Amino acid sequence: MIVTKETLQKVAKNARLNLTDKELEEFLPQIKDVINAFSEISRVETKEVEPSVQPVQLKENMRDDKPKKSLKEEEIFANTRLKKDGYFKGPKVL
């Protein structure tokens, strides 16, 4: 794709950007470099490559859910002073 100053002006106008001539001259080679880089990527042979949406394969790191005895109420409330009727006591909201 050939990028000209006019093309860049049109894109800037569509994006509602008011670029000066100096900015256009500065951005034109940068835009060309970006487009050339993507052109190179598009030439890479990917026929045998399987599509992937995740760059790193995720692995499930969950442990097996095995039932076991739970703590007794005395053990649960052993390290708190703020308890009442089998519940943790918190500050009043209202």
N, C-alpha and C. Protein backbone atom coordinates (compact mmCIF):
# COMPACT_ATOMS: atom_id res chain seq x y z
N MET A 1 0.84 -1.18 0.00
CA MET A 1 0.00 0.00 0.00
C MET A 1 0.88 1.23 0.00
N ILE A 2 0.55 2.16 -0.86
CA ILE A 2 1.31 3.40 -0.96
C ILE A 2 0.62 4.46 -0.12
N VAL A 3 1.38 5.04 0.79
CA VAL A 3 0.84 6.08 1.67
C VAL A 3 1.44 7.41 1.23
N THR A 4 0.54 8.32 0.92
CA THR A 4 0.99 9.65 0.52
C THR A 4 0.55 10.66 1.57
N LYS A 5 1.01 11.88 1.38
CA LYS A 5 0.64 12.96 2.30
C LYS A 5 -0.88 13.18 2.25
N GLU A 6 -1.46 13.03 1.09
CA GLU A 6 -2.90 13.21 0.93
C GLU A 6 -3.67 12.12 1.67
N THR A 7 -3.18 10.89 1.57
CA THR A 7 -3.81 9.78 2.28
C THR A 7 -3.78 10.02 3.78
N LEU A 8 -2.64 10.46 4.26
CA LEU A 8 -2.47 10.73 5.68
C LEU A 8 -3.39 11.88 6.13
N GLN A 9 -3.53 12.90 5.29
CA GLN A 9 -4.44 14.01 5.60
C GLN A 9 -5.88 13.52 5.69
N LYS A 10 -6.28 12.65 4.77
CA LYS A 10 -7.64 12.13 4.76
C LYS A 10 -7.91 11.30 6.02
N VAL A 11 -6.96 10.45 6.39
CA VAL A 11 -7.11 9.64 7.60
C VAL A 11 -7.19 10.54 8.83
N ALA A 12 -6.34 11.56 8.88
CA ALA A 12 -6.35 12.49 10.01
C ALA A 12 -7.68 13.23 10.08
N LYS A 13 -8.21 13.62 8.92
CA LYS A 13 -9.50 14.32 8.91
C LYS A 13 -10.61 13.39 9.41
N ASN A 14 -10.60 12.12 8.96
CA ASN A 14 -11.60 11.15 9.43
C ASN A 14 -11.50 10.91 10.94
N ALA A 15 -10.28 11.00 11.47
CA ALA A 15 -10.07 10.80 12.90
C ALA A 15 -10.25 12.12 13.67
N ARG A 16 -10.64 13.16 12.95
CA ARG A 16 -10.84 14.50 13.53
C ARG A 16 -9.58 15.03 14.19
N LEU A 17 -8.47 14.82 13.52
CA LEU A 17 -7.19 15.34 13.97
C LEU A 17 -6.78 16.50 13.08
N ASN A 18 -6.37 17.56 13.67
CA ASN A 18 -5.88 18.71 12.90
C ASN A 18 -4.36 18.68 12.93
N LEU A 19 -3.78 18.07 11.91
CA LEU A 19 -2.32 17.94 11.84
C LEU A 19 -1.75 19.07 11.01
N THR A 20 -0.64 19.63 11.48
CA THR A 20 0.06 20.67 10.72
C THR A 20 0.89 19.99 9.63
N ASP A 21 1.39 20.80 8.70
CA ASP A 21 2.24 20.25 7.64
C ASP A 21 3.50 19.63 8.23
N LYS A 22 4.02 20.23 9.28
CA LYS A 22 5.22 19.70 9.94
C LYS A 22 4.93 18.32 10.54
N GLU A 23 3.77 18.19 11.18
CA GLU A 23 3.38 16.90 11.76
C GLU A 23 3.17 15.85 10.67
N LEU A 24 2.55 16.25 9.57
CA LEU A 24 2.35 15.32 8.46
C LEU A 24 3.69 14.81 7.93
N GLU A 25 4.65 15.72 7.78
CA GLU A 25 5.98 15.34 7.29
C GLU A 25 6.68 14.40 8.29
N GLU A 26 6.43 14.63 9.59
CA GLU A 26 7.05 13.80 10.62
C GLU A 26 6.41 12.41 10.67
N PHE A 27 5.07 12.35 10.54
CA PHE A 27 4.36 11.09 10.68
C PHE A 27 4.39 10.22 9.44
N LEU A 28 4.54 10.81 8.27
CA LEU A 28 4.48 10.05 7.02
C LEU A 28 5.50 8.91 6.97
N PRO A 29 6.78 9.13 7.27
CA PRO A 29 7.71 7.99 7.24
C PRO A 29 7.41 6.96 8.33
N GLN A 30 6.90 7.42 9.48
CA GLN A 30 6.57 6.49 10.55
C GLN A 30 5.41 5.58 10.14
N ILE A 31 4.39 6.15 9.52
CA ILE A 31 3.24 5.37 9.05
C ILE A 31 3.70 4.37 7.98
N LYS A 32 4.57 4.80 7.10
CA LYS A 32 5.08 3.91 6.06
C LYS A 32 5.82 2.72 6.69
N ASP A 33 6.62 2.99 7.72
CA ASP A 33 7.35 1.91 8.40
C ASP A 33 6.39 0.92 9.04
N VAL A 34 5.34 1.42 9.67
CA VAL A 34 4.35 0.54 10.31
C VAL A 34 3.66 -0.32 9.28
N ILE A 35 3.23 0.27 8.19
CA ILE A 35 2.54 -0.48 7.14
C ILE A 35 3.48 -1.51 6.50
N ASN A 36 4.74 -1.16 6.32
CA ASN A 36 5.71 -2.11 5.77
C ASN A 36 5.92 -3.29 6.72
N ALA A 37 5.95 -3.02 8.01
CA ALA A 37 6.11 -4.09 8.99
C ALA A 37 4.93 -5.05 8.93
N PHE A 38 3.71 -4.52 8.84
CA PHE A 38 2.54 -5.40 8.74
C PHE A 38 2.51 -6.13 7.41
N SER A 39 3.02 -5.53 6.37
CA SER A 39 3.09 -6.20 5.07
C SER A 39 4.01 -7.41 5.15
N GLU A 40 5.12 -7.27 5.88
CA GLU A 40 6.04 -8.40 6.07
C GLU A 40 5.35 -9.53 6.83
N ILE A 41 4.62 -9.17 7.86
CA ILE A 41 3.91 -10.18 8.66
C ILE A 41 2.91 -10.94 7.80
N SER A 42 2.22 -10.22 6.92
CA SER A 42 1.20 -10.89 6.09
C SER A 42 1.81 -11.87 5.10
N ARG A 43 3.12 -11.74 4.80
CA ARG A 43 3.77 -12.66 3.86
C ARG A 43 4.27 -13.94 4.54
N VAL A 44 4.19 -14.03 5.84
CA VAL A 44 4.66 -15.22 6.56
C VAL A 44 3.72 -16.38 6.25
N GLU A 45 4.31 -17.54 5.98
CA GLU A 45 3.53 -18.74 5.66
C GLU A 45 2.93 -19.32 6.94
N THR A 46 1.61 -19.37 6.99
CA THR A 46 0.92 -19.86 8.19
C THR A 46 -0.03 -21.01 7.87
N LYS A 47 0.16 -21.64 6.74
CA LYS A 47 -0.74 -22.69 6.32
C LYS A 47 -0.79 -23.87 7.29
N GLU A 48 0.36 -24.24 7.84
CA GLU A 48 0.45 -25.39 8.73
C GLU A 48 0.32 -25.01 10.21
N VAL A 49 0.11 -23.74 10.51
CA VAL A 49 0.04 -23.27 11.89
C VAL A 49 -1.41 -23.27 12.36
N GLU A 50 -1.64 -23.87 13.50
CA GLU A 50 -2.99 -23.92 14.06
C GLU A 50 -3.32 -22.57 14.72
N PRO A 51 -4.51 -22.02 14.47
CA PRO A 51 -4.87 -20.74 15.07
C PRO A 51 -4.92 -20.82 16.60
N SER A 52 -4.54 -19.72 17.22
CA SER A 52 -4.52 -19.68 18.68
C SER A 52 -4.97 -18.30 19.14
N VAL A 53 -5.81 -18.28 20.15
CA VAL A 53 -6.22 -17.00 20.72
C VAL A 53 -5.47 -16.73 22.02
N GLN A 54 -4.72 -17.71 22.49
CA GLN A 54 -3.99 -17.59 23.74
C GLN A 54 -2.51 -17.84 23.44
N PRO A 55 -1.62 -16.86 23.67
CA PRO A 55 -0.21 -17.08 23.33
C PRO A 55 0.47 -18.12 24.19
N VAL A 56 0.00 -18.29 25.42
CA VAL A 56 0.56 -19.28 26.31
C VAL A 56 -0.55 -20.25 26.69
N GLN A 57 -0.29 -21.53 26.54
CA GLN A 57 -1.32 -22.51 26.85
C GLN A 57 -1.65 -22.48 28.34
N LEU A 58 -2.92 -22.34 28.64
CA LEU A 58 -3.35 -22.30 30.03
C LEU A 58 -3.57 -23.71 30.54
N LYS A 59 -3.25 -23.91 31.79
CA LYS A 59 -3.40 -25.21 32.41
C LYS A 59 -4.22 -25.02 33.68
N GLU A 60 -5.14 -25.91 33.90
CA GLU A 60 -5.98 -25.80 35.08
C GLU A 60 -5.16 -26.14 36.32
N ASN A 61 -5.12 -25.22 37.27
CA ASN A 61 -4.33 -25.42 38.48
C ASN A 61 -5.22 -25.59 39.70
N MET A 62 -6.33 -26.24 39.52
CA MET A 62 -7.25 -26.45 40.63
C MET A 62 -6.95 -27.79 41.29
N ARG A 63 -7.02 -27.79 42.60
CA ARG A 63 -6.82 -29.03 43.32
C ARG A 63 -8.13 -29.82 43.33
N ASP A 64 -8.04 -31.10 43.58
CA ASP A 64 -9.24 -31.92 43.70
C ASP A 64 -10.02 -31.49 44.94
N ASP A 65 -11.31 -31.46 44.80
CA ASP A 65 -12.17 -31.09 45.91
C ASP A 65 -12.45 -32.33 46.75
N LYS A 66 -11.74 -32.42 47.87
CA LYS A 66 -11.88 -33.59 48.74
C LYS A 66 -12.51 -33.14 50.05
N PRO A 67 -13.60 -33.78 50.46
CA PRO A 67 -14.23 -33.39 51.71
C PRO A 67 -13.35 -33.75 52.91
N LYS A 68 -13.33 -32.85 53.88
CA LYS A 68 -12.61 -33.13 55.12
C LYS A 68 -13.31 -32.41 56.25
N LYS A 69 -12.95 -32.73 57.46
CA LYS A 69 -13.61 -32.14 58.62
C LYS A 69 -13.31 -30.65 58.69
N SER A 70 -14.34 -29.88 59.05
CA SER A 70 -14.15 -28.44 59.18
C SER A 70 -13.75 -28.11 60.62
N LEU A 71 -13.37 -26.86 60.83
CA LEU A 71 -12.97 -26.41 62.16
C LEU A 71 -14.17 -26.32 63.09
N LYS A 72 -13.90 -26.47 64.36
CA LYS A 72 -14.96 -26.29 65.36
C LYS A 72 -15.11 -24.80 65.62
N GLU A 73 -16.27 -24.41 66.12
CA GLU A 73 -16.57 -23.00 66.34
C GLU A 73 -15.54 -22.35 67.27
N GLU A 74 -15.08 -23.05 68.28
CA GLU A 74 -14.09 -22.49 69.20
C GLU A 74 -12.78 -22.18 68.46
N GLU A 75 -12.41 -23.04 67.53
CA GLU A 75 -11.17 -22.83 66.77
C GLU A 75 -11.32 -21.64 65.81
N ILE A 76 -12.49 -21.50 65.24
CA ILE A 76 -12.73 -20.42 64.30
C ILE A 76 -12.62 -19.06 64.99
N PHE A 77 -13.21 -18.94 66.17
CA PHE A 77 -13.25 -17.66 66.88
C PHE A 77 -12.11 -17.50 67.89
N ALA A 78 -11.12 -18.40 67.87
CA ALA A 78 -10.05 -18.38 68.86
C ALA A 78 -9.21 -17.10 68.80
N ASN A 79 -9.03 -16.49 67.65
CA ASN A 79 -8.14 -15.33 67.51
C ASN A 79 -8.87 -14.00 67.39
N THR A 80 -10.13 -13.94 67.79
CA THR A 80 -10.85 -12.67 67.70
C THR A 80 -11.59 -12.38 69.01
N ARG A 81 -11.71 -11.09 69.28
CA ARG A 81 -12.51 -10.66 70.42
C ARG A 81 -13.92 -10.29 69.92
N LEU A 82 -14.02 -10.01 68.64
CA LEU A 82 -15.27 -9.51 68.07
C LEU A 82 -16.15 -10.66 67.59
N LYS A 83 -16.89 -11.25 68.50
CA LYS A 83 -17.79 -12.35 68.15
C LYS A 83 -19.06 -12.21 68.97
N LYS A 84 -20.15 -12.69 68.39
CA LYS A 84 -21.43 -12.65 69.09
C LYS A 84 -22.35 -13.68 68.48
N ASP A 85 -22.88 -14.55 69.30
CA ASP A 85 -23.87 -15.56 68.88
C ASP A 85 -23.40 -16.39 67.70
N GLY A 86 -22.12 -16.77 67.66
CA GLY A 86 -21.62 -17.63 66.59
C GLY A 86 -21.29 -16.90 65.30
N TYR A 87 -21.18 -15.56 65.34
CA TYR A 87 -20.84 -14.76 64.16
C TYR A 87 -19.70 -13.82 64.51
N PHE A 88 -18.96 -13.38 63.47
CA PHE A 88 -18.00 -12.32 63.68
C PHE A 88 -18.77 -11.01 63.80
N LYS A 89 -18.36 -10.18 64.74
CA LYS A 89 -19.04 -8.92 64.97
C LYS A 89 -18.26 -7.82 64.28
N GLY A 90 -18.95 -7.02 63.48
CA GLY A 90 -18.31 -5.93 62.76
C GLY A 90 -18.89 -4.59 63.20
N PRO A 91 -18.34 -3.50 62.67
CA PRO A 91 -18.84 -2.18 63.04
C PRO A 91 -20.24 -1.94 62.49
N LYS A 92 -20.97 -1.06 63.15
CA LYS A 92 -22.31 -0.73 62.68
C LYS A 92 -22.24 0.01 61.35
N VAL A 93 -23.17 -0.30 60.48
CA VAL A 93 -23.20 0.33 59.17
C VAL A 93 -23.99 1.62 59.21
N LEU A 94 -25.06 1.64 59.95
CA LEU A 94 -25.90 2.83 60.02
C LEU A 94 -25.65 3.61 61.26
